[in-house]
Amino acid sequence: LTVVKVDHEESMAVAERLYGELQAAGIDVLLDDRDGRPGVKFADAELVGIPLRITIGPRGLDNGQLEYTSRADGEKVDVPIDDVVARVVDAVVTGRSAGR
């Protein structure tokens, strides 16, 4: 989970909620809530090998969506907030997060 603007209360609230829901679903989660530029956070996620990235920011939240990025196939799509957990769980269960 990558938070674009950590000083945006709604972004942090959504990130913390999703963090808890994903952990409860048995998914290992990294919440990047560092203060810094999004590009640095994205590059770090790539270097560490994070298979799925959910980007949380004010613009997406205004539209009720979050950006879902799969490292395995380069897929980058906007997903409704309420569908994010199911999408991640499905990707992990089917192995799509590992590039299979």
C-alpha atoms as a PDB file:
ATOM      1  CA  LEU A   1       0.000   0.000   0.000  1.00  0.00           C
ATOM      2  CA  THR A   2       1.546   3.282  -1.106  1.00  0.00           C
ATOM      3  CA  VAL A   3       0.129   6.491   0.342  1.00  0.00           C
ATOM      4  CA  VAL A   4       0.783   9.423  -1.998  1.00  0.00           C
ATOM      5  CA  LYS A   5       0.074  12.192   0.519  1.00  0.00           C
ATOM      6  CA  VAL A   6       0.573  11.102   4.113  1.00  0.00           C
ATOM      7  CA  ASP A   7      -0.803  14.408   5.404  1.00  0.00           C
ATOM      8  CA  HIS A   8      -4.162  13.674   3.736  1.00  0.00           C
ATOM      9  CA  GLU A   9      -6.330  12.235   6.522  1.00  0.00           C
ATOM     10  CA  GLU A  10      -8.715  10.298   4.290  1.00  0.00           C
ATOM     11  CA  SER A  11      -5.809   8.633   2.443  1.00  0.00           C
ATOM     12  CA  MET A  12      -4.267   7.485   5.711  1.00  0.00           C
ATOM     13  CA  ALA A  13      -7.610   6.269   7.062  1.00  0.00           C
ATOM     14  CA  VAL A  14      -8.268   4.199   3.923  1.00  0.00           C
ATOM     15  CA  ALA A  15      -4.692   2.855   3.962  1.00  0.00           C
ATOM     16  CA  GLU A  16      -4.946   1.772   7.585  1.00  0.00           C
ATOM     17  CA  ARG A  17      -8.335   0.140   6.986  1.00  0.00           C
ATOM     18  CA  LEU A  18      -7.076  -1.782   3.949  1.00  0.00           C
ATOM     19  CA  TYR A  19      -3.920  -2.762   5.823  1.00  0.00           C
ATOM     20  CA  GLY A  20      -6.028  -4.365   8.550  1.00  0.00           C
ATOM     21  CA  GLU A  21      -8.400  -6.058   6.107  1.00  0.00           C
ATOM     22  CA  LEU A  22      -5.581  -7.511   4.013  1.00  0.00           C
ATOM     23  CA  GLN A  23      -3.740  -8.775   7.092  1.00  0.00           C
ATOM     24  CA  ALA A  24      -6.969 -10.340   8.359  1.00  0.00           C
ATOM     25  CA  ALA A  25      -7.235 -12.117   4.986  1.00  0.00           C
ATOM     26  CA  GLY A  26      -3.768 -13.590   5.541  1.00  0.00           C
ATOM     27  CA  ILE A  27      -1.944 -11.316   3.086  1.00  0.00           C
ATOM     28  CA  ASP A  28       1.518  -9.955   3.915  1.00  0.00           C
ATOM     29  CA  VAL A  29       1.239  -6.175   3.621  1.00  0.00           C
ATOM     30  CA  LEU A  30       3.727  -3.326   3.566  1.00  0.00           C
ATOM     31  CA  LEU A  31       2.271   0.130   4.225  1.00  0.00           C
ATOM     32  CA  ASP A  32       4.533   2.827   2.802  1.00  0.00           C
ATOM     33  CA  ASP A  33       3.453   5.879   4.744  1.00  0.00           C
ATOM     34  CA  ARG A  34       6.810   7.622   4.574  1.00  0.00           C
ATOM     35  CA  ASP A  35       6.820  11.313   3.860  1.00  0.00           C
ATOM     36  CA  GLY A  36       8.309  11.624   0.398  1.00  0.00           C
ATOM     37  CA  ARG A  37       7.700  11.774  -3.312  1.00  0.00           C
ATOM     38  CA  PRO A  38       5.559   9.028  -4.866  1.00  0.00           C
ATOM     39  CA  GLY A  39       8.228   8.177  -7.463  1.00  0.00           C
ATOM     40  CA  VAL A  40      10.720   7.319  -4.734  1.00  0.00           C
ATOM     41  CA  LYS A  41       8.167   5.063  -3.049  1.00  0.00           C
ATOM     42  CA  PHE A  42       7.326   3.335  -6.360  1.00  0.00           C
ATOM     43  CA  ALA A  43      11.026   2.787  -7.137  1.00  0.00           C
ATOM     44  CA  ASP A  44      11.633   1.338  -3.677  1.00  0.00           C
ATOM     45  CA  ALA A  45       8.670  -1.040  -4.066  1.00  0.00           C
ATOM     46  CA  GLU A  46      10.116  -2.195  -7.387  1.00  0.00           C
ATOM     47  CA  LEU A  47      13.604  -2.698  -5.918  1.00  0.00           C
ATOM     48  CA  VAL A  48      12.244  -4.721  -3.003  1.00  0.00           C
ATOM     49  CA  GLY A  49      10.160  -6.815  -5.403  1.00  0.00           C
ATOM     50  CA  ILE A  50       6.692  -5.966  -4.110  1.00  0.00           C
ATOM     51  CA  PRO A  51       4.392  -7.980  -6.435  1.00  0.00           C
ATOM     52  CA  LEU A  52       1.265  -5.818  -6.099  1.00  0.00           C
ATOM     53  CA  ARG A  53       1.008  -2.119  -5.366  1.00  0.00           C
ATOM     54  CA  ILE A  54      -2.115  -0.278  -4.302  1.00  0.00           C
ATOM     55  CA  THR A  55      -1.679   3.479  -4.616  1.00  0.00           C
ATOM     56  CA  ILE A  56      -3.840   5.601  -2.330  1.00  0.00           C
ATOM     57  CA  GLY A  57      -4.160   9.304  -3.031  1.00  0.00           C
ATOM     58  CA  PRO A  58      -6.651  12.161  -2.918  1.00  0.00           C
ATOM     59  CA  ARG A  59      -7.378  12.125  -6.660  1.00  0.00           C
ATOM     60  CA  GLY A  60      -8.316   8.455  -6.702  1.00  0.00           C
ATOM     61  CA  LEU A  61     -10.301   8.730  -3.495  1.00  0.00           C
ATOM     62  CA  ASP A  62     -12.322  11.587  -4.993  1.00  0.00           C
ATOM     63  CA  ASN A  63     -13.395   9.080  -7.667  1.00  0.00           C
ATOM     64  CA  GLY A  64     -13.881   6.239  -5.180  1.00  0.00           C
ATOM     65  CA  GLN A  65     -11.011   4.279  -6.720  1.00  0.00           C
ATOM     66  CA  LEU A  66      -7.440   3.222  -6.026  1.00  0.00           C
ATOM     67  CA  GLU A  67      -4.693   2.368  -8.491  1.00  0.00           C
ATOM     68  CA  TYR A  68      -3.837  -1.346  -8.597  1.00  0.00           C
ATOM     69  CA  THR A  69      -0.495  -2.235 -10.180  1.00  0.00           C
ATOM     70  CA  SER A  70       0.746  -5.776 -10.777  1.00  0.00           C
ATOM     71  CA  ARG A  71       4.491  -6.178 -11.112  1.00  0.00           C
ATOM     72  CA  ALA A  72       4.045  -9.574 -12.812  1.00  0.00           C
ATOM     73  CA  ASP A  73       2.271  -8.345 -15.935  1.00  0.00           C
ATOM     74  CA  GLY A  74       2.556  -4.562 -15.666  1.00  0.00           C
ATOM     75  CA  GLU A  75      -1.215  -4.248 -15.329  1.00  0.00           C
ATOM     76  CA  LYS A  76      -2.222  -0.860 -13.923  1.00  0.00           C
ATOM     77  CA  VAL A  77      -5.936  -0.268 -13.398  1.00  0.00           C
ATOM     78  CA  ASP A  78      -8.238   1.794 -11.242  1.00  0.00           C
ATOM     79  CA  VAL A  79     -10.263  -0.391  -8.885  1.00  0.00           C
ATOM     80  CA  PRO A  80     -13.227   0.655  -6.716  1.00  0.00           C
ATOM     81  CA  ILE A  81     -12.094   0.958  -3.098  1.00  0.00           C
ATOM     82  CA  ASP A  82     -14.520  -1.720  -1.915  1.00  0.00           C
ATOM     83  CA  ASP A  83     -13.129  -4.228  -4.471  1.00  0.00           C
ATOM     84  CA  VAL A  84      -9.427  -3.833  -3.657  1.00  0.00           C
ATOM     85  CA  VAL A  85      -9.156  -6.495  -0.948  1.00  0.00           C
ATOM     86  CA  ALA A  86     -10.969  -9.107  -3.052  1.00  0.00           C
ATOM     87  CA  ARG A  87      -8.787  -8.265  -6.061  1.00  0.00           C
ATOM     88  CA  VAL A  88      -5.568  -8.667  -4.070  1.00  0.00           C
ATOM     89  CA  VAL A  89      -6.719 -11.901  -2.411  1.00  0.00           C
ATOM     90  CA  ASP A  90      -7.721 -13.302  -5.813  1.00  0.00           C
ATOM     91  CA  ALA A  91      -4.335 -12.380  -7.317  1.00  0.00           C
ATOM     92  CA  VAL A  92      -2.459 -14.022  -4.447  1.00  0.00           C
ATOM     93  CA  VAL A  93      -4.614 -17.170  -4.408  1.00  0.00           C
ATOM     94  CA  THR A  94      -4.400 -17.671  -8.178  1.00  0.00           C
ATOM     95  CA  GLY A  95      -0.686 -16.906  -8.209  1.00  0.00           C
ATOM     96  CA  ARG A  96      -0.985 -13.886 -10.501  1.00  0.00           C
ATOM     97  CA  SER A  97       0.964 -11.776  -8.032  1.00  0.00           C
ATOM     98  CA  ALA A  98       3.977 -14.036  -8.583  1.00  0.00           C
ATOM     99  CA  GLY A  99       3.829 -13.905 -12.363  1.00  0.00           C
ATOM    100  CA  ARG A 100       2.447 -17.415 -12.822  1.00  0.00           C
END
